[in-house]
Amino acid sequence: MDRRWLSRPRDRNASHLSVFAHTLLSRLLAAVYCFKIKPSFNNFGEDPIRRPNRAPPAATKDGPRVNDDIRNAQIQLIDQTGQNRGTVETMTAIKMALEAGMDLVEISPNNIPPVCKIMDYGKYKYSAQKKAAEARKKQKVVEIKEIKLRPMIDDHDYDVKMRAMQRFFEEGDKVKITLRYRGREMAHQEIGTKLLDKVKADVADFAKVEQDAKFEGRQVVMVLAPR
C-alpha cells in the first residue's frame, strides 16, 4: 500500500490550520495598528478639532521701566546729582545705579535714546502716588442737590431747608429748588413767587442764581450755585 495516500488528509489539515493561524495573526496585528497608531476620528469621519494652545497675555507692568526692564542698548543718563552724563551703555548705567544703592529709572521713553535717571525708585513711586492722591482730593465733582418747597411752608421747615441749602453750598454743590403747587394753590401763584424771592435774598451772600425760576407743569424750578 502506498503510504502517501494515508498522509494526505493530515497534510491537508495542517495546511488549513496554518492558513487560519496566519489570518488570525494578521487581523490581530491590524487591530493593534488601528488602536495604537491610527489617529482617532469623530462621528463624521473627520479629524478632531484641536484648540490652539494660547498662552495667557503677558501682564503689563504699571509705571516706568526700571533696571533690567530697560531693553535699549544705550540710554541718555542723568545721574543721582542731576548731571547729564550723555549717551551711556545701559549695562554700565545699571552698574552705576547699583553701586550707588539706587535704581536706573526710565523717565522719557519716547526720546532716542530714552532718558534714564539714577534714583531711589521706592521713594520716587511713593512721591508719585502721594501727588496723585492729593490731585484726586482737589478734584470736586459738582452735584446738584434738590430742595423741595411748598408755597405755604411754615417758618420752622423753612429754616431747616435753608440750613441744608447753606451746607450744600459750602461743600461746593449746586441746589435745585422745586416749588410745587397743589390743587387751588395754582390760583395763588404770587405766594410761591414771594417765597422764591425770599430764598434768593437769604442766600445772596454765598450763592447766586444760575437758572431763574420757570414753570415745569405744576411746579416751579430754580437752580442756585455757590459763589
N, C-alpha and C. Protein backbone atom coordinates (compact mmCIF):
# COMPACT_ATOMS: atom_id res chain seq x y z
N MET A 1 0.87 -1.21 0.00
CA MET A 1 0.00 0.00 0.00
C MET A 1 0.89 1.24 0.00
N ASP A 2 0.42 2.18 -0.78
CA ASP A 2 1.19 3.43 -0.86
C ASP A 2 0.87 4.31 0.34
N ARG A 3 1.87 4.60 1.22
CA ARG A 3 1.65 5.38 2.43
C ARG A 3 1.43 6.88 2.17
N ARG A 4 1.70 7.34 0.99
CA ARG A 4 1.49 8.75 0.69
C ARG A 4 0.02 9.12 0.73
N TRP A 5 -0.83 8.17 0.37
CA TRP A 5 -2.26 8.44 0.39
C TRP A 5 -2.77 8.55 1.82
N LEU A 6 -2.14 7.85 2.75
CA LEU A 6 -2.57 7.93 4.15
C LEU A 6 -2.19 9.26 4.79
N SER A 7 -1.11 9.84 4.33
CA SER A 7 -0.64 11.10 4.93
C SER A 7 -1.29 12.34 4.35
N ARG A 8 -2.01 12.23 3.26
CA ARG A 8 -2.58 13.40 2.61
C ARG A 8 -3.62 14.13 3.47
N PRO A 9 -4.59 13.46 4.11
CA PRO A 9 -5.55 14.20 4.95
C PRO A 9 -4.88 14.96 6.08
N ARG A 10 -3.85 14.33 6.69
CA ARG A 10 -3.15 15.02 7.77
C ARG A 10 -2.45 16.27 7.25
N ASP A 11 -1.85 16.15 6.06
CA ASP A 11 -1.18 17.33 5.48
C ASP A 11 -2.18 18.44 5.16
N ARG A 12 -3.37 17.99 4.68
CA ARG A 12 -4.38 19.00 4.36
C ARG A 12 -4.85 19.73 5.60
N ASN A 13 -5.06 19.00 6.71
CA ASN A 13 -5.49 19.64 7.95
C ASN A 13 -4.43 20.61 8.46
N ALA A 14 -3.18 20.19 8.37
CA ALA A 14 -2.10 21.07 8.81
C ALA A 14 -2.05 22.33 7.98
N SER A 15 -2.30 22.18 6.69
CA SER A 15 -2.28 23.35 5.81
C SER A 15 -3.39 24.32 6.16
N HIS A 16 -4.60 23.78 6.46
CA HIS A 16 -5.72 24.66 6.84
C HIS A 16 -5.44 25.37 8.15
N LEU A 17 -4.85 24.66 9.12
CA LEU A 17 -4.53 25.28 10.39
C LEU A 17 -3.50 26.39 10.23
N SER A 18 -2.55 26.16 9.35
CA SER A 18 -1.52 27.18 9.11
C SER A 18 -2.12 28.45 8.51
N VAL A 19 -3.06 28.26 7.53
CA VAL A 19 -3.70 29.42 6.90
C VAL A 19 -4.55 30.17 7.92
N PHE A 20 -5.27 29.41 8.78
CA PHE A 20 -6.12 30.04 9.80
C PHE A 20 -5.29 30.83 10.80
N ALA A 21 -4.17 30.25 11.23
CA ALA A 21 -3.31 30.95 12.19
C ALA A 21 -2.72 32.21 11.57
N HIS A 22 -2.32 32.12 10.31
CA HIS A 22 -1.75 33.28 9.63
C HIS A 22 -2.79 34.41 9.50
N THR A 23 -4.03 34.01 9.17
CA THR A 23 -5.10 35.01 9.03
C THR A 23 -5.41 35.68 10.37
N LEU A 24 -5.48 34.85 11.43
CA LEU A 24 -5.77 35.39 12.76
C LEU A 24 -4.69 36.35 13.23
N LEU A 25 -3.42 35.98 12.99
CA LEU A 25 -2.31 36.83 13.37
C LEU A 25 -2.35 38.16 12.62
N SER A 26 -2.70 38.09 11.34
CA SER A 26 -2.77 39.32 10.53
C SER A 26 -3.85 40.26 11.06
N ARG A 27 -5.00 39.66 11.45
CA ARG A 27 -6.09 40.50 11.97
C ARG A 27 -5.73 41.11 13.32
N LEU A 28 -5.03 40.36 14.17
CA LEU A 28 -4.60 40.90 15.45
C LEU A 28 -3.63 42.06 15.27
N LEU A 29 -2.70 41.90 14.34
CA LEU A 29 -1.75 42.97 14.08
C LEU A 29 -2.45 44.21 13.52
N ALA A 30 -3.47 43.97 12.68
CA ALA A 30 -4.22 45.10 12.13
C ALA A 30 -4.99 45.83 13.22
N ALA A 31 -5.56 45.05 14.16
CA ALA A 31 -6.29 45.68 15.26
C ALA A 31 -5.37 46.50 16.14
N VAL A 32 -4.17 45.99 16.44
CA VAL A 32 -3.20 46.73 17.23
C VAL A 32 -2.79 48.01 16.52
N TYR A 33 -2.62 47.91 15.24
CA TYR A 33 -2.25 49.09 14.45
C TYR A 33 -3.35 50.16 14.50
N CYS A 34 -4.61 49.71 14.40
CA CYS A 34 -5.72 50.67 14.40
C CYS A 34 -5.84 51.37 15.75
N PHE A 35 -5.69 50.63 16.84
CA PHE A 35 -5.92 51.22 18.17
C PHE A 35 -4.73 52.02 18.66
N LYS A 36 -3.54 51.66 18.30
CA LYS A 36 -2.36 52.32 18.86
C LYS A 36 -1.72 53.35 17.95
N ILE A 37 -1.83 53.16 16.65
CA ILE A 37 -1.11 54.03 15.73
C ILE A 37 -2.05 54.94 14.96
N LYS A 38 -3.18 54.39 14.53
CA LYS A 38 -4.08 55.17 13.69
C LYS A 38 -4.73 56.28 14.50
N PRO A 39 -4.78 57.52 14.02
CA PRO A 39 -5.42 58.61 14.78
C PRO A 39 -6.92 58.40 14.91
N SER A 40 -7.46 58.96 16.00
CA SER A 40 -8.89 58.81 16.26
C SER A 40 -9.68 59.71 15.33
N PHE A 41 -10.94 59.35 15.09
CA PHE A 41 -11.85 60.10 14.24
C PHE A 41 -13.12 60.38 14.99
N ASN A 42 -13.80 61.45 14.62
CA ASN A 42 -15.07 61.76 15.25
C ASN A 42 -16.20 61.03 14.55
N ASN A 43 -17.42 61.36 14.93
CA ASN A 43 -18.57 60.63 14.40
C ASN A 43 -18.77 60.85 12.91
N PHE A 44 -18.23 61.92 12.37
CA PHE A 44 -18.43 62.24 10.97
C PHE A 44 -17.26 61.80 10.09
N GLY A 45 -16.32 61.09 10.67
CA GLY A 45 -15.20 60.60 9.88
C GLY A 45 -14.15 61.63 9.60
N GLU A 46 -14.15 62.75 10.35
CA GLU A 46 -13.17 63.82 10.13
C GLU A 46 -12.22 63.89 11.31
N ASP A 47 -11.07 64.48 11.05
CA ASP A 47 -10.10 64.64 12.13
C ASP A 47 -10.67 65.52 13.23
N PRO A 48 -10.42 65.19 14.51
CA PRO A 48 -10.94 66.01 15.61
C PRO A 48 -10.34 67.41 15.60
N ILE A 49 -11.16 68.39 15.98
CA ILE A 49 -10.72 69.79 16.01
C ILE A 49 -9.92 70.04 17.28
N ARG A 50 -8.74 70.50 17.11
CA ARG A 50 -7.88 70.80 18.26
C ARG A 50 -7.80 72.30 18.47
N ARG A 51 -8.06 72.72 19.69
CA ARG A 51 -7.97 74.14 20.01
C ARG A 51 -6.52 74.57 20.16
N PRO A 52 -6.19 75.72 19.62
CA PRO A 52 -4.79 76.18 19.76
C PRO A 52 -4.44 76.45 21.21
N ASN A 53 -3.23 76.14 21.55
CA ASN A 53 -2.75 76.35 22.92
C ASN A 53 -2.30 77.81 23.05
N ARG A 54 -3.24 78.64 23.48
CA ARG A 54 -2.95 80.08 23.56
C ARG A 54 -2.41 80.42 24.94
N ALA A 55 -1.24 80.98 24.95
CA ALA A 55 -0.64 81.38 26.22
C ALA A 55 -1.34 82.63 26.73
N PRO A 56 -1.49 82.77 28.04
CA PRO A 56 -2.13 83.99 28.58
C PRO A 56 -1.31 85.22 28.25
N PRO A 57 -1.99 86.36 28.01
CA PRO A 57 -1.24 87.58 27.67
C PRO A 57 -0.33 88.01 28.80
N ALA A 58 0.81 88.53 28.41
CA ALA A 58 1.78 88.98 29.42
C ALA A 58 1.23 90.17 30.19
N ALA A 59 1.39 90.13 31.48
CA ALA A 59 0.88 91.21 32.33
C ALA A 59 1.67 92.49 32.07
N THR A 60 0.93 93.56 31.84
CA THR A 60 1.58 94.85 31.61
C THR A 60 1.99 95.45 32.94
N LYS A 61 3.21 95.91 33.00
CA LYS A 61 3.74 96.46 34.24
C LYS A 61 3.38 97.93 34.34
N ASP A 62 2.87 98.30 35.50
CA ASP A 62 2.47 99.68 35.73
C ASP A 62 3.69 100.51 36.11
N GLY A 63 3.80 101.68 35.53
CA GLY A 63 4.91 102.56 35.87
C GLY A 63 6.05 102.47 34.87
N PRO A 64 7.10 103.24 35.10
CA PRO A 64 8.24 103.27 34.17
C PRO A 64 9.07 101.99 34.24
N ARG A 65 9.87 101.77 33.20
CA ARG A 65 10.78 100.63 33.20
C ARG A 65 11.95 100.92 34.14
N VAL A 66 12.38 99.88 34.83
CA VAL A 66 13.42 100.03 35.84
C VAL A 66 14.47 98.95 35.64
N ASN A 67 15.74 99.34 35.73
CA ASN A 67 16.88 98.41 35.72
C ASN A 67 16.83 97.45 34.54
N ASP A 68 16.71 96.14 34.81
CA ASP A 68 16.78 95.14 33.73
C ASP A 68 15.60 95.19 32.78
N ASP A 69 14.52 95.89 33.13
CA ASP A 69 13.38 96.02 32.22
C ASP A 69 13.69 96.97 31.06
N ILE A 70 14.74 97.76 31.18
CA ILE A 70 15.14 98.67 30.11
C ILE A 70 15.92 97.87 29.08
N ARG A 71 15.33 97.67 27.89
CA ARG A 71 15.90 96.78 26.87
C ARG A 71 16.79 97.48 25.86
N ASN A 72 16.82 98.80 25.87
CA ASN A 72 17.65 99.51 24.90
C ASN A 72 19.13 99.28 25.20
N ALA A 73 19.92 99.23 24.13
CA ALA A 73 21.35 99.02 24.30
C ALA A 73 22.03 100.24 24.91
N GLN A 74 21.53 101.43 24.55
CA GLN A 74 22.10 102.67 25.06
C GLN A 74 20.99 103.59 25.57
N ILE A 75 21.36 104.44 26.51
CA ILE A 75 20.41 105.40 27.07
C ILE A 75 21.13 106.73 27.28
N GLN A 76 20.34 107.78 27.45
CA GLN A 76 20.89 109.06 27.86
C GLN A 76 20.77 109.14 29.38
N LEU A 77 21.87 109.24 30.06
CA LEU A 77 21.90 109.07 31.51
C LEU A 77 21.97 110.41 32.25
N ILE A 78 21.12 110.51 33.28
CA ILE A 78 21.19 111.59 34.26
C ILE A 78 21.48 110.94 35.60
N ASP A 79 22.60 111.31 36.22
CA ASP A 79 22.98 110.63 37.46
C ASP A 79 22.17 111.15 38.65
N GLN A 80 22.47 110.64 39.83
CA GLN A 80 21.72 110.96 41.04
C GLN A 80 21.88 112.42 41.47
N THR A 81 22.91 113.10 40.97
CA THR A 81 23.11 114.51 41.30
C THR A 81 22.43 115.45 40.31
N GLY A 82 21.81 114.87 39.25
CA GLY A 82 21.15 115.68 38.24
C GLY A 82 22.04 116.02 37.07
N GLN A 83 23.27 115.52 37.05
CA GLN A 83 24.20 115.82 35.96
C GLN A 83 23.92 114.93 34.76
N ASN A 84 23.91 115.54 33.57
CA ASN A 84 23.68 114.79 32.34
C ASN A 84 24.98 114.14 31.90
N ARG A 85 25.02 112.81 31.89
CA ARG A 85 26.22 112.07 31.51
C ARG A 85 26.26 111.73 30.02
N GLY A 86 25.24 112.15 29.26
CA GLY A 86 25.23 111.86 27.83
C GLY A 86 24.81 110.43 27.56
N THR A 87 25.17 109.93 26.37
CA THR A 87 24.80 108.56 25.96
C THR A 87 25.72 107.55 26.62
N VAL A 88 25.12 106.58 27.30
CA VAL A 88 25.86 105.57 28.07
C VAL A 88 25.28 104.21 27.75
N GLU A 89 26.14 103.17 27.77
CA GLU A 89 25.65 101.81 27.64
C GLU A 89 24.70 101.49 28.80
N THR A 90 23.61 100.82 28.48
CA THR A 90 22.60 100.54 29.51
C THR A 90 23.17 99.71 30.65
N MET A 91 23.96 98.68 30.33
CA MET A 91 24.52 97.83 31.38
C MET A 91 25.45 98.63 32.29
N THR A 92 26.19 99.57 31.70
CA THR A 92 27.07 100.42 32.50
C THR A 92 26.27 101.30 33.44
N ALA A 93 25.17 101.86 32.93
CA ALA A 93 24.33 102.73 33.75
C ALA A 93 23.68 101.94 34.90
N ILE A 94 23.25 100.71 34.63
CA ILE A 94 22.66 99.88 35.69
C ILE A 94 23.70 99.58 36.76
N LYS A 95 24.93 99.30 36.33
CA LYS A 95 26.00 99.03 37.28
C LYS A 95 26.27 100.26 38.15
N MET A 96 26.27 101.45 37.54
CA MET A 96 26.47 102.69 38.30
C MET A 96 25.36 102.88 39.34
N ALA A 97 24.12 102.59 38.93
CA ALA A 97 22.99 102.75 39.85
C ALA A 97 23.10 101.78 41.03
N LEU A 98 23.47 100.54 40.75
CA LEU A 98 23.59 99.56 41.84
C LEU A 98 24.72 99.92 42.79
N GLU A 99 25.81 100.42 42.23
CA GLU A 99 26.92 100.83 43.09
C GLU A 99 26.53 101.99 44.00
N ALA A 100 25.60 102.83 43.52
CA ALA A 100 25.13 103.96 44.34
C ALA A 100 24.00 103.55 45.28
N GLY A 101 23.59 102.27 45.22
CA GLY A 101 22.48 101.80 46.06
C GLY A 101 21.14 102.30 45.59
N MET A 102 21.02 102.59 44.29
CA MET A 102 19.78 103.14 43.74
C MET A 102 19.34 102.33 42.53
N ASP A 103 18.42 102.89 41.76
CA ASP A 103 17.86 102.21 40.59
C ASP A 103 18.03 103.10 39.36
N LEU A 104 18.03 102.45 38.21
CA LEU A 104 18.02 103.17 36.93
C LEU A 104 16.58 103.20 36.45
N VAL A 105 16.00 104.40 36.35
CA VAL A 105 14.59 104.56 36.04
C VAL A 105 14.45 105.32 34.72
N GLU A 106 13.62 104.79 33.83
CA GLU A 106 13.37 105.43 32.54
C GLU A 106 12.33 106.54 32.74
N ILE A 107 12.71 107.77 32.44
CA ILE A 107 11.80 108.90 32.68
C ILE A 107 11.27 109.51 31.38
N SER A 108 11.95 109.29 30.26
CA SER A 108 11.47 109.79 28.95
C SER A 108 11.65 108.69 27.91
N PRO A 109 10.68 107.76 27.83
CA PRO A 109 10.84 106.62 26.93
C PRO A 109 10.76 106.98 25.45
N ASN A 110 10.16 108.11 25.10
CA ASN A 110 9.98 108.47 23.69
C ASN A 110 11.21 109.10 23.06
N ASN A 111 12.18 109.48 23.87
CA ASN A 111 13.42 110.04 23.31
C ASN A 111 14.26 108.95 22.67
N ILE A 112 15.12 109.34 21.77
CA ILE A 112 16.04 108.39 21.13
C ILE A 112 17.47 108.87 21.36
N PRO A 113 18.27 108.19 22.20
CA PRO A 113 17.86 107.07 23.06
C PRO A 113 17.03 107.57 24.24
N PRO A 114 16.31 106.65 24.93
CA PRO A 114 15.47 107.09 26.06
C PRO A 114 16.29 107.69 27.18
N VAL A 115 15.68 108.63 27.90
CA VAL A 115 16.36 109.29 29.01
C VAL A 115 16.07 108.51 30.29
N CYS A 116 17.14 108.17 31.01
CA CYS A 116 17.01 107.44 32.27
C CYS A 116 17.76 108.19 33.37
N LYS A 117 17.29 108.01 34.59
CA LYS A 117 17.89 108.70 35.72
C LYS A 117 18.17 107.72 36.85
N ILE A 118 19.29 107.95 37.52
CA ILE A 118 19.63 107.16 38.69
C ILE A 118 18.92 107.77 39.89
N MET A 119 18.06 106.98 40.56
CA MET A 119 17.29 107.49 41.70
C MET A 119 16.84 106.33 42.57
N ASP A 120 16.28 106.68 43.71
CA ASP A 120 15.66 105.69 44.59
C ASP A 120 14.24 105.49 44.09
N TYR A 121 14.00 104.37 43.41
CA TYR A 121 12.69 104.16 42.78
C TYR A 121 11.57 104.03 43.81
N GLY A 122 11.87 103.46 44.97
CA GLY A 122 10.86 103.33 46.01
C GLY A 122 10.34 104.68 46.46
N LYS A 123 11.27 105.63 46.72
CA LYS A 123 10.85 106.97 47.13
C LYS A 123 10.14 107.69 45.98
N TYR A 124 10.62 107.48 44.76
CA TYR A 124 10.00 108.11 43.60
C TYR A 124 8.56 107.64 43.42
N LYS A 125 8.32 106.35 43.58
CA LYS A 125 6.98 105.79 43.42
C LYS A 125 6.06 106.29 44.52
N TYR A 126 6.57 106.34 45.76
CA TYR A 126 5.76 106.83 46.87
C TYR A 126 5.37 108.29 46.65
N SER A 127 6.32 109.10 46.19
CA SER A 127 6.05 110.51 45.94
C SER A 127 5.00 110.68 44.84
N ALA A 128 5.09 109.86 43.78
CA ALA A 128 4.14 109.95 42.68
C ALA A 128 2.74 109.56 43.14
N GLN A 129 2.64 108.52 43.97
CA GLN A 129 1.33 108.11 44.48
C GLN A 129 0.73 109.17 45.39
N LYS A 130 1.58 109.83 46.18
CA LYS A 130 1.10 110.88 47.08
C LYS A 130 0.56 112.07 46.29
N LYS A 131 1.28 112.45 45.22
CA LYS A 131 0.82 113.56 44.39
C LYS A 131 -0.50 113.23 43.71
N ALA A 132 -0.64 111.99 43.24
CA ALA A 132 -1.88 111.58 42.58
C ALA A 132 -3.05 111.60 43.56
N ALA A 133 -2.80 111.18 44.81
CA ALA A 133 -3.87 111.19 45.83
C ALA A 133 -4.29 112.62 46.14
N GLU A 134 -3.32 113.54 46.24
CA GLU A 134 -3.65 114.94 46.50
C GLU A 134 -4.44 115.55 45.35
N ALA A 135 -4.08 115.16 44.12
CA ALA A 135 -4.80 115.69 42.96
C ALA A 135 -6.24 115.19 42.95
N ARG A 136 -6.45 113.92 43.34
CA ARG A 136 -7.82 113.39 43.40
C ARG A 136 -8.65 114.10 44.46
N LYS A 137 -8.01 114.47 45.57
CA LYS A 137 -8.74 115.18 46.62
C LYS A 137 -9.20 116.55 46.13
N LYS A 138 -8.37 117.20 45.32
CA LYS A 138 -8.71 118.53 44.84
C LYS A 138 -9.80 118.51 43.78
N GLN A 139 -9.95 117.37 43.13
CA GLN A 139 -10.98 117.26 42.10
C GLN A 139 -12.34 117.11 42.77
N LYS A 140 -13.19 118.11 42.62
CA LYS A 140 -14.52 118.11 43.22
C LYS A 140 -15.56 117.87 42.14
N VAL A 141 -16.33 116.81 42.31
CA VAL A 141 -17.42 116.53 41.39
C VAL A 141 -18.65 117.30 41.88
N VAL A 142 -19.07 118.27 41.10
CA VAL A 142 -20.19 119.12 41.49
C VAL A 142 -21.50 118.34 41.35
N GLU A 143 -22.24 118.25 42.43
CA GLU A 143 -23.53 117.59 42.41
C GLU A 143 -24.65 118.62 42.52
N ILE A 144 -25.81 118.23 42.08
CA ILE A 144 -26.99 119.10 42.19
C ILE A 144 -27.92 118.49 43.24
N LYS A 145 -28.02 119.17 44.36
CA LYS A 145 -28.91 118.73 45.43
C LYS A 145 -30.30 119.38 45.22
N GLU A 146 -31.32 118.66 45.60
CA GLU A 146 -32.68 119.18 45.40
C GLU A 146 -33.32 119.52 46.74
N ILE A 147 -33.92 120.69 46.81
CA ILE A 147 -34.69 121.14 47.97
C ILE A 147 -36.13 121.36 47.50
N LYS A 148 -37.06 120.66 48.13
CA LYS A 148 -38.47 120.79 47.74
C LYS A 148 -39.19 121.73 48.73
N LEU A 149 -39.92 122.67 48.17
CA LEU A 149 -40.66 123.64 48.97
C LEU A 149 -42.14 123.60 48.60
N ARG A 150 -42.96 124.08 49.55
CA ARG A 150 -44.39 124.27 49.30
C ARG A 150 -44.71 125.75 49.49
N PRO A 151 -45.67 126.27 48.76
CA PRO A 151 -45.97 127.70 48.90
C PRO A 151 -46.33 128.11 50.33
N MET A 152 -46.99 127.23 51.09
CA MET A 152 -47.45 127.55 52.43
C MET A 152 -46.55 126.93 53.50
N ILE A 153 -45.23 126.85 53.25
CA ILE A 153 -44.30 126.25 54.19
C ILE A 153 -44.24 127.09 55.47
N ASP A 154 -44.12 126.40 56.63
CA ASP A 154 -44.06 127.15 57.89
C ASP A 154 -42.61 127.58 58.17
N ASP A 155 -42.44 128.44 59.15
CA ASP A 155 -41.13 129.03 59.42
C ASP A 155 -40.10 127.99 59.85
N HIS A 156 -40.50 127.02 60.67
CA HIS A 156 -39.55 126.01 61.15
C HIS A 156 -39.00 125.18 59.99
N ASP A 157 -39.88 124.69 59.13
CA ASP A 157 -39.44 123.90 57.98
C ASP A 157 -38.57 124.74 57.04
N TYR A 158 -38.93 126.00 56.90
CA TYR A 158 -38.13 126.88 56.04
C TYR A 158 -36.71 127.03 56.57
N ASP A 159 -36.55 127.20 57.87
CA ASP A 159 -35.22 127.33 58.48
C ASP A 159 -34.40 126.05 58.29
N VAL A 160 -35.05 124.89 58.44
CA VAL A 160 -34.35 123.60 58.23
C VAL A 160 -33.87 123.50 56.79
N LYS A 161 -34.72 123.87 55.85
CA LYS A 161 -34.34 123.82 54.44
C LYS A 161 -33.18 124.78 54.15
N MET A 162 -33.20 125.95 54.75
CA MET A 162 -32.16 126.93 54.49
C MET A 162 -30.82 126.47 55.06
N ARG A 163 -30.82 125.83 56.23
CA ARG A 163 -29.56 125.31 56.79
C ARG A 163 -28.98 124.21 55.90
N ALA A 164 -29.84 123.36 55.40
CA ALA A 164 -29.38 122.30 54.50
C ALA A 164 -28.82 122.91 53.21
N MET A 165 -29.48 123.94 52.72
CA MET A 165 -29.03 124.60 51.50
C MET A 165 -27.66 125.24 51.69
N GLN A 166 -27.46 125.88 52.82
CA GLN A 166 -26.18 126.52 53.10
C GLN A 166 -25.07 125.47 53.19
N ARG A 167 -25.36 124.32 53.78
CA ARG A 167 -24.35 123.26 53.87
C ARG A 167 -23.97 122.76 52.48
N PHE A 168 -24.94 122.62 51.60
CA PHE A 168 -24.66 122.18 50.23
C PHE A 168 -23.75 123.18 49.51
N PHE A 169 -24.02 124.46 49.69
CA PHE A 169 -23.20 125.47 49.04
C PHE A 169 -21.78 125.45 49.58
N GLU A 170 -21.63 125.24 50.89
CA GLU A 170 -20.29 125.19 51.49
C GLU A 170 -19.49 123.99 50.96
N GLU A 171 -20.17 122.91 50.57
CA GLU A 171 -19.50 121.73 50.02
C GLU A 171 -19.25 121.85 48.52
N GLY A 172 -19.67 123.00 47.95
CA GLY A 172 -19.42 123.24 46.54
C GLY A 172 -20.47 122.71 45.60
N ASP A 173 -21.61 122.28 46.12
CA ASP A 173 -22.66 121.73 45.27
C ASP A 173 -23.68 122.79 44.87
N LYS A 174 -24.40 122.51 43.80
CA LYS A 174 -25.49 123.36 43.37
C LYS A 174 -26.79 122.88 44.02
N VAL A 175 -27.78 123.77 44.03
CA VAL A 175 -29.07 123.43 44.65
C VAL A 175 -30.18 123.71 43.65
N LYS A 176 -31.01 122.70 43.46
CA LYS A 176 -32.19 122.85 42.62
C LYS A 176 -33.41 122.97 43.54
N ILE A 177 -34.07 124.11 43.48
CA ILE A 177 -35.25 124.34 44.32
C ILE A 177 -36.49 124.03 43.49
N THR A 178 -37.30 123.15 44.03
CA THR A 178 -38.55 122.76 43.36
C THR A 178 -39.72 123.22 44.21
N LEU A 179 -40.51 124.12 43.69
CA LEU A 179 -41.69 124.63 44.38
C LEU A 179 -42.92 124.06 43.68
N ARG A 180 -43.66 123.23 44.39
CA ARG A 180 -44.78 122.53 43.76
C ARG A 180 -46.12 123.07 44.28
N TYR A 181 -47.02 123.32 43.32
CA TYR A 181 -48.38 123.77 43.64
C TYR A 181 -49.33 122.58 43.60
N ARG A 182 -50.28 122.58 44.53
CA ARG A 182 -51.30 121.53 44.56
C ARG A 182 -52.70 122.17 44.57
N GLY A 183 -53.56 121.54 43.81
CA GLY A 183 -54.97 121.96 43.82
C GLY A 183 -55.15 123.43 43.57
N ARG A 184 -55.87 124.09 44.51
CA ARG A 184 -56.22 125.50 44.34
C ARG A 184 -55.04 126.44 44.55
N GLU A 185 -53.86 125.90 44.95
CA GLU A 185 -52.68 126.76 45.13
C GLU A 185 -52.25 127.39 43.80
N MET A 186 -52.62 126.77 42.69
CA MET A 186 -52.28 127.34 41.38
C MET A 186 -52.95 128.70 41.18
N ALA A 187 -54.02 128.95 41.88
CA ALA A 187 -54.71 130.24 41.75
C ALA A 187 -54.02 131.33 42.53
N HIS A 188 -53.04 130.98 43.35
CA HIS A 188 -52.32 131.97 44.17
C HIS A 188 -50.80 131.82 43.95
N GLN A 189 -50.41 131.94 42.69
CA GLN A 189 -49.00 131.77 42.33
C GLN A 189 -48.12 132.88 42.92
N GLU A 190 -48.71 134.00 43.26
CA GLU A 190 -47.90 135.09 43.80
C GLU A 190 -47.29 134.70 45.14
N ILE A 191 -47.91 133.77 45.88
CA ILE A 191 -47.35 133.33 47.16
C ILE A 191 -46.03 132.59 46.91
N GLY A 192 -46.02 131.71 45.90
CA GLY A 192 -44.80 130.99 45.56
C GLY A 192 -43.72 131.91 45.05
N THR A 193 -44.11 132.92 44.27
CA THR A 193 -43.13 133.88 43.75
C THR A 193 -42.45 134.64 44.88
N LYS A 194 -43.23 135.07 45.86
CA LYS A 194 -42.65 135.78 47.01
C LYS A 194 -41.71 134.87 47.80
N LEU A 195 -42.07 133.60 47.92
CA LEU A 195 -41.22 132.66 48.65
C LEU A 195 -39.88 132.48 47.95
N LEU A 196 -39.87 132.35 46.63
CA LEU A 196 -38.61 132.19 45.90
C LEU A 196 -37.77 133.46 45.97
N ASP A 197 -38.42 134.62 45.95
CA ASP A 197 -37.67 135.87 46.11
C ASP A 197 -37.01 135.94 47.49
N LYS A 198 -37.72 135.45 48.50
CA LYS A 198 -37.16 135.42 49.85
C LYS A 198 -35.94 134.50 49.92
N VAL A 199 -36.03 133.34 49.24
CA VAL A 199 -34.90 132.40 49.22
C VAL A 199 -33.69 133.06 48.56
N LYS A 200 -33.88 133.71 47.44
CA LYS A 200 -32.76 134.37 46.75
C LYS A 200 -32.12 135.44 47.63
N ALA A 201 -32.93 136.17 48.37
CA ALA A 201 -32.38 137.21 49.24
C ALA A 201 -31.62 136.61 50.42
N ASP A 202 -32.11 135.50 50.96
CA ASP A 202 -31.47 134.88 52.14
C ASP A 202 -30.13 134.21 51.79
N VAL A 203 -29.95 133.78 50.55
CA VAL A 203 -28.70 133.09 50.17
C VAL A 203 -27.80 133.97 49.32
N ALA A 204 -28.12 135.23 49.19
CA ALA A 204 -27.37 136.12 48.29
C ALA A 204 -25.91 136.24 48.67
N ASP A 205 -25.58 136.08 49.97
CA ASP A 205 -24.19 136.24 50.40
C ASP A 205 -23.30 135.08 49.96
N PHE A 206 -23.84 133.90 49.80
CA PHE A 206 -22.99 132.73 49.47
C PHE A 206 -23.49 131.94 48.26
N ALA A 207 -24.48 132.44 47.54
CA ALA A 207 -24.97 131.74 46.35
C ALA A 207 -25.49 132.73 45.34
N LYS A 208 -25.57 132.28 44.10
CA LYS A 208 -26.09 133.11 43.02
C LYS A 208 -27.08 132.29 42.19
N VAL A 209 -27.91 132.99 41.47
CA VAL A 209 -28.93 132.32 40.65
C VAL A 209 -28.28 131.87 39.33
N GLU A 210 -28.28 130.59 39.09
CA GLU A 210 -27.76 130.06 37.83
C GLU A 210 -28.88 129.88 36.81
N GLN A 211 -30.04 129.48 37.29
CA GLN A 211 -31.21 129.36 36.41
C GLN A 211 -32.40 129.94 37.16
N ASP A 212 -32.96 131.01 36.59
CA ASP A 212 -34.08 131.68 37.27
C ASP A 212 -35.32 130.80 37.26
N ALA A 213 -36.27 131.16 38.11
CA ALA A 213 -37.48 130.35 38.28
C ALA A 213 -38.27 130.26 36.98
N LYS A 214 -38.69 129.01 36.67
CA LYS A 214 -39.53 128.79 35.49
C LYS A 214 -40.47 127.62 35.77
N PHE A 215 -41.64 127.69 35.15
CA PHE A 215 -42.66 126.67 35.35
C PHE A 215 -42.32 125.41 34.55
N GLU A 216 -42.54 124.27 35.20
CA GLU A 216 -42.47 122.97 34.55
C GLU A 216 -43.70 122.19 35.00
N GLY A 217 -44.78 122.35 34.27
CA GLY A 217 -46.04 121.74 34.68
C GLY A 217 -46.65 122.49 35.86
N ARG A 218 -46.88 121.77 36.97
CA ARG A 218 -47.46 122.38 38.17
C ARG A 218 -46.40 122.75 39.19
N GLN A 219 -45.14 122.83 38.75
CA GLN A 219 -44.08 123.18 39.69
C GLN A 219 -43.15 124.21 39.07
N VAL A 220 -42.46 124.95 39.95
CA VAL A 220 -41.51 125.97 39.53
C VAL A 220 -40.12 125.49 39.96
N VAL A 221 -39.17 125.59 39.04
CA VAL A 221 -37.80 125.12 39.28
C VAL A 221 -36.84 126.28 39.20
N MET A 222 -35.92 126.38 40.16
CA MET A 222 -34.87 127.40 40.18
C MET A 222 -33.57 126.74 40.63
N VAL A 223 -32.45 127.07 39.97
CA VAL A 223 -31.16 126.47 40.29
C VAL A 223 -30.24 127.56 40.82
N LEU A 224 -29.64 127.29 41.99
CA LEU A 224 -28.67 128.19 42.61
C LEU A 224 -27.30 127.53 42.65
N ALA A 225 -26.25 128.33 42.50
CA ALA A 225 -24.88 127.82 42.52
C ALA A 225 -24.07 128.59 43.55
N PRO A 226 -23.10 127.94 44.16
CA PRO A 226 -22.26 128.64 45.17
C PRO A 226 -21.42 129.72 44.52
N ARG A 227 -21.17 130.77 45.27
CA ARG A 227 -20.32 131.86 44.77
C ARG A 227 -18.85 131.47 44.84
